[in-house]
N, C-alpha and C. Protein backbone atom coordinates (compact mmCIF):
# COMPACT_ATOMS: atom_id res chain seq x y z
N UNK A 1 16.59 6.91 4.99
CA UNK A 1 15.47 7.81 4.71
C UNK A 1 15.02 8.47 6.03
N UNK A 2 14.64 9.69 5.93
CA UNK A 2 14.20 10.38 7.12
C UNK A 2 12.71 10.15 7.40
N UNK A 3 12.32 10.55 8.63
CA UNK A 3 10.94 10.30 9.07
C UNK A 3 9.90 11.02 8.18
N UNK A 4 10.25 12.22 7.70
CA UNK A 4 9.31 12.93 6.86
C UNK A 4 8.99 12.19 5.54
N UNK A 5 10.04 11.61 4.95
CA UNK A 5 9.83 10.84 3.73
C UNK A 5 9.04 9.57 4.03
N UNK A 6 9.32 8.89 5.14
CA UNK A 6 8.55 7.70 5.49
C UNK A 6 7.08 8.04 5.68
N UNK A 7 6.79 9.16 6.31
CA UNK A 7 5.40 9.55 6.53
C UNK A 7 4.77 9.95 5.18
N UNK A 8 5.54 10.56 4.31
CA UNK A 8 5.06 10.89 2.99
C UNK A 8 4.72 9.66 2.12
N UNK A 9 5.34 8.55 2.47
CA UNK A 9 5.07 7.32 1.76
C UNK A 9 3.96 6.55 2.50
N UNK A 10 4.10 6.42 3.80
CA UNK A 10 3.19 5.61 4.60
C UNK A 10 1.76 6.13 4.74
N UNK A 11 1.63 7.43 4.95
CA UNK A 11 0.30 7.97 5.19
C UNK A 11 -0.60 7.87 4.02
N UNK A 12 -0.19 8.29 2.78
CA UNK A 12 -1.11 8.11 1.64
C UNK A 12 -1.39 6.65 1.37
N UNK A 13 -0.43 5.79 1.60
CA UNK A 13 -0.64 4.33 1.39
C UNK A 13 -1.68 3.83 2.40
N UNK A 14 -1.65 4.30 3.62
CA UNK A 14 -2.62 3.91 4.65
C UNK A 14 -4.02 4.37 4.25
N UNK A 15 -4.15 5.59 3.80
CA UNK A 15 -5.44 6.12 3.41
C UNK A 15 -6.04 5.34 2.22
N UNK A 16 -5.17 5.08 1.23
CA UNK A 16 -5.68 4.33 0.03
C UNK A 16 -6.04 2.91 0.41
N UNK A 17 -5.25 2.28 1.29
CA UNK A 17 -5.57 0.94 1.73
C UNK A 17 -6.92 0.90 2.42
N UNK A 18 -7.19 1.89 3.24
CA UNK A 18 -8.45 1.96 3.93
C UNK A 18 -9.61 2.11 2.93
N UNK A 19 -9.39 2.97 1.92
CA UNK A 19 -10.41 3.15 0.86
C UNK A 19 -10.62 1.87 0.06
N UNK A 20 -9.52 1.20 -0.29
CA UNK A 20 -9.66 -0.07 -1.00
C UNK A 20 -10.40 -1.11 -0.17
N UNK A 21 -10.14 -1.13 1.13
CA UNK A 21 -10.83 -2.07 2.04
C UNK A 21 -12.32 -1.85 1.97
N UNK A 22 -12.72 -0.57 2.07
CA UNK A 22 -14.14 -0.24 2.06
C UNK A 22 -14.79 -0.63 0.72
N UNK A 23 -14.15 -0.33 -0.38
CA UNK A 23 -14.69 -0.63 -1.68
C UNK A 23 -14.78 -2.12 -1.91
N UNK A 24 -13.70 -2.84 -1.66
CA UNK A 24 -13.67 -4.26 -1.92
C UNK A 24 -14.70 -5.01 -1.08
N UNK A 25 -14.76 -4.69 0.21
CA UNK A 25 -15.67 -5.44 1.09
C UNK A 25 -17.09 -4.90 1.06
N UNK A 26 -17.35 -3.83 0.34
CA UNK A 26 -18.74 -3.44 0.08
C UNK A 26 -19.32 -4.35 -1.02
N UNK A 27 -18.42 -4.94 -1.83
CA UNK A 27 -18.83 -5.79 -2.91
C UNK A 27 -18.60 -7.30 -2.65
N UNK A 28 -17.73 -7.66 -1.71
CA UNK A 28 -17.32 -9.02 -1.48
C UNK A 28 -17.66 -9.40 -0.03
N UNK A 29 -18.30 -10.55 0.14
CA UNK A 29 -18.56 -11.08 1.48
C UNK A 29 -17.42 -11.98 1.87
N UNK A 30 -16.68 -11.66 2.93
CA UNK A 30 -15.52 -12.47 3.30
C UNK A 30 -15.90 -13.91 3.70
N UNK A 31 -17.15 -14.16 4.09
CA UNK A 31 -17.60 -15.50 4.42
C UNK A 31 -17.74 -16.40 3.23
N UNK A 32 -17.79 -15.82 2.03
CA UNK A 32 -18.00 -16.60 0.84
C UNK A 32 -16.73 -16.72 -0.02
N UNK A 33 -15.59 -16.32 0.52
CA UNK A 33 -14.32 -16.43 -0.17
C UNK A 33 -13.83 -17.89 -0.11
N UNK A 34 -13.25 -18.36 -1.19
CA UNK A 34 -12.73 -19.73 -1.27
C UNK A 34 -11.28 -19.69 -1.78
N UNK A 35 -10.49 -20.63 -1.32
CA UNK A 35 -9.10 -20.76 -1.78
C UNK A 35 -8.90 -22.22 -2.10
N UNK A 36 -8.61 -22.51 -3.36
CA UNK A 36 -8.41 -23.88 -3.80
C UNK A 36 -9.67 -24.72 -3.69
N UNK A 37 -10.80 -24.12 -3.89
CA UNK A 37 -12.09 -24.84 -3.85
C UNK A 37 -12.61 -25.04 -2.40
N UNK A 38 -11.88 -24.64 -1.41
CA UNK A 38 -12.33 -24.80 -0.02
C UNK A 38 -12.59 -23.40 0.61
N UNK A 39 -13.56 -23.29 1.49
CA UNK A 39 -13.79 -22.01 2.16
C UNK A 39 -12.57 -21.65 3.02
N UNK A 40 -12.32 -20.34 3.13
CA UNK A 40 -11.21 -19.90 3.96
C UNK A 40 -11.47 -20.24 5.40
N UNK A 41 -10.49 -20.80 6.11
CA UNK A 41 -10.67 -21.17 7.53
C UNK A 41 -10.44 -19.99 8.45
N UNK A 42 -10.83 -18.80 8.05
CA UNK A 42 -10.58 -17.57 8.82
C UNK A 42 -11.90 -16.87 9.11
N UNK A 43 -11.91 -16.12 10.22
CA UNK A 43 -13.08 -15.35 10.55
C UNK A 43 -13.16 -14.14 9.60
N UNK A 44 -14.29 -13.50 9.55
CA UNK A 44 -14.46 -12.30 8.71
C UNK A 44 -13.49 -11.20 9.14
N UNK A 45 -13.30 -11.06 10.43
CA UNK A 45 -12.39 -10.05 10.94
C UNK A 45 -10.95 -10.30 10.55
N UNK A 46 -10.55 -11.59 10.51
CA UNK A 46 -9.23 -11.96 10.06
C UNK A 46 -9.04 -11.66 8.59
N UNK A 47 -10.05 -11.92 7.78
CA UNK A 47 -9.97 -11.61 6.35
C UNK A 47 -9.86 -10.12 6.15
N UNK A 48 -10.64 -9.35 6.87
CA UNK A 48 -10.54 -7.88 6.75
C UNK A 48 -9.17 -7.40 7.12
N UNK A 49 -8.59 -7.91 8.18
CA UNK A 49 -7.28 -7.51 8.68
C UNK A 49 -6.20 -7.86 7.67
N UNK A 50 -6.19 -9.13 7.20
CA UNK A 50 -5.18 -9.55 6.27
C UNK A 50 -5.29 -8.79 4.95
N UNK A 51 -6.51 -8.56 4.49
CA UNK A 51 -6.68 -7.82 3.24
C UNK A 51 -6.19 -6.38 3.40
N UNK A 52 -6.44 -5.75 4.55
CA UNK A 52 -5.94 -4.40 4.77
C UNK A 52 -4.45 -4.34 4.69
N UNK A 53 -3.75 -5.30 5.34
CA UNK A 53 -2.30 -5.25 5.33
C UNK A 53 -1.74 -5.58 3.95
N UNK A 54 -2.41 -6.43 3.17
CA UNK A 54 -1.99 -6.67 1.79
C UNK A 54 -2.15 -5.40 0.97
N UNK A 55 -3.33 -4.76 1.07
CA UNK A 55 -3.58 -3.49 0.35
C UNK A 55 -2.54 -2.45 0.75
N UNK A 56 -2.25 -2.35 2.07
CA UNK A 56 -1.34 -1.33 2.55
C UNK A 56 0.07 -1.62 2.00
N UNK A 57 0.47 -2.87 2.00
CA UNK A 57 1.79 -3.23 1.45
C UNK A 57 1.92 -2.88 -0.04
N UNK A 58 0.89 -3.20 -0.79
CA UNK A 58 0.91 -2.85 -2.21
C UNK A 58 0.99 -1.34 -2.47
N UNK A 59 0.21 -0.61 -1.65
CA UNK A 59 0.21 0.86 -1.75
C UNK A 59 1.56 1.43 -1.31
N UNK A 60 2.18 0.83 -0.28
CA UNK A 60 3.51 1.27 0.16
C UNK A 60 4.54 1.12 -0.97
N UNK A 61 4.46 0.01 -1.68
CA UNK A 61 5.40 -0.22 -2.78
C UNK A 61 5.16 0.87 -3.87
N UNK A 62 3.90 1.12 -4.21
CA UNK A 62 3.61 2.12 -5.23
C UNK A 62 4.06 3.50 -4.80
N UNK A 63 3.79 3.90 -3.55
CA UNK A 63 4.19 5.22 -3.09
C UNK A 63 5.74 5.31 -2.97
N UNK A 64 6.35 4.22 -2.52
CA UNK A 64 7.80 4.22 -2.43
C UNK A 64 8.47 4.35 -3.78
N UNK A 65 7.93 3.64 -4.79
CA UNK A 65 8.47 3.80 -6.13
C UNK A 65 8.32 5.20 -6.66
N UNK A 66 7.18 5.82 -6.37
CA UNK A 66 6.96 7.21 -6.79
C UNK A 66 7.97 8.11 -6.08
N UNK A 67 8.18 7.92 -4.79
CA UNK A 67 9.21 8.75 -4.08
C UNK A 67 10.59 8.55 -4.64
N UNK A 68 10.93 7.30 -4.97
CA UNK A 68 12.23 7.02 -5.56
C UNK A 68 12.39 7.68 -6.94
N UNK A 69 11.36 7.63 -7.76
CA UNK A 69 11.43 8.22 -9.06
C UNK A 69 11.45 9.75 -9.00
N UNK A 70 10.81 10.30 -8.01
CA UNK A 70 10.80 11.76 -7.87
C UNK A 70 12.16 12.26 -7.38
N UNK A 71 12.94 11.43 -6.77
CA UNK A 71 14.25 11.84 -6.25
C UNK A 71 15.39 11.53 -7.20
N UNK A 72 15.09 10.98 -8.38
CA UNK A 72 16.10 10.70 -9.39
C UNK A 72 16.51 11.96 -10.09
N UNK A 73 17.85 12.23 -10.21
CA UNK A 73 18.27 13.45 -10.89
C UNK A 73 17.95 13.38 -12.39
N UNK A 74 17.81 14.58 -12.95
CA UNK A 74 17.60 14.69 -14.40
C UNK A 74 18.88 14.26 -15.10
N UNK A 75 18.81 13.90 -16.37
CA UNK A 75 20.01 13.41 -17.08
C UNK A 75 21.16 14.43 -17.14
N UNK A 76 20.87 15.70 -17.10
CA UNK A 76 21.92 16.71 -17.21
C UNK A 76 22.46 17.15 -15.84
N UNK A 77 21.93 16.60 -14.76
CA UNK A 77 22.39 16.93 -13.41
C UNK A 77 23.41 15.89 -12.97
N UNK A 78 24.33 16.33 -12.10
CA UNK A 78 25.30 15.34 -11.54
C UNK A 78 24.58 14.37 -10.61
N UNK A 79 25.15 13.22 -10.37
CA UNK A 79 24.55 12.18 -9.52
C UNK A 79 24.81 12.49 -8.06
N UNK A 80 24.24 13.53 -7.55
CA UNK A 80 24.28 13.89 -6.14
C UNK A 80 22.88 13.86 -5.59
N UNK A 81 22.77 13.68 -4.28
CA UNK A 81 21.44 13.60 -3.67
C UNK A 81 20.85 14.99 -3.55
N UNK A 82 19.62 15.14 -4.12
CA UNK A 82 18.95 16.40 -4.02
C UNK A 82 18.18 16.45 -2.68
N UNK A 83 18.01 17.63 -2.14
CA UNK A 83 17.24 17.75 -0.91
C UNK A 83 15.75 17.60 -1.22
N UNK A 84 14.98 17.21 -0.18
CA UNK A 84 13.55 16.98 -0.36
C UNK A 84 12.76 18.25 -0.06
N UNK A 85 13.37 19.42 -0.08
CA UNK A 85 12.65 20.68 0.21
C UNK A 85 11.85 21.04 -0.92
């Protein structure tokens, strides 16, 4: 994949991950999160960071699947790679 396609996948995913981070942590206090009945042994900043990267990864998968589906040829077209122009 070329750099333009990677940026077309990564940048929207980054923006949506940032938006998700703001929405989720406007409603959730990271100090009150529990895992298996025990409080998380992480600082609030670590929770924010880990959550951002999880959100970004999920958004990357969604954007990547969209890019993959957009590059799939129609049934009546030959199986050759179409340009991204």
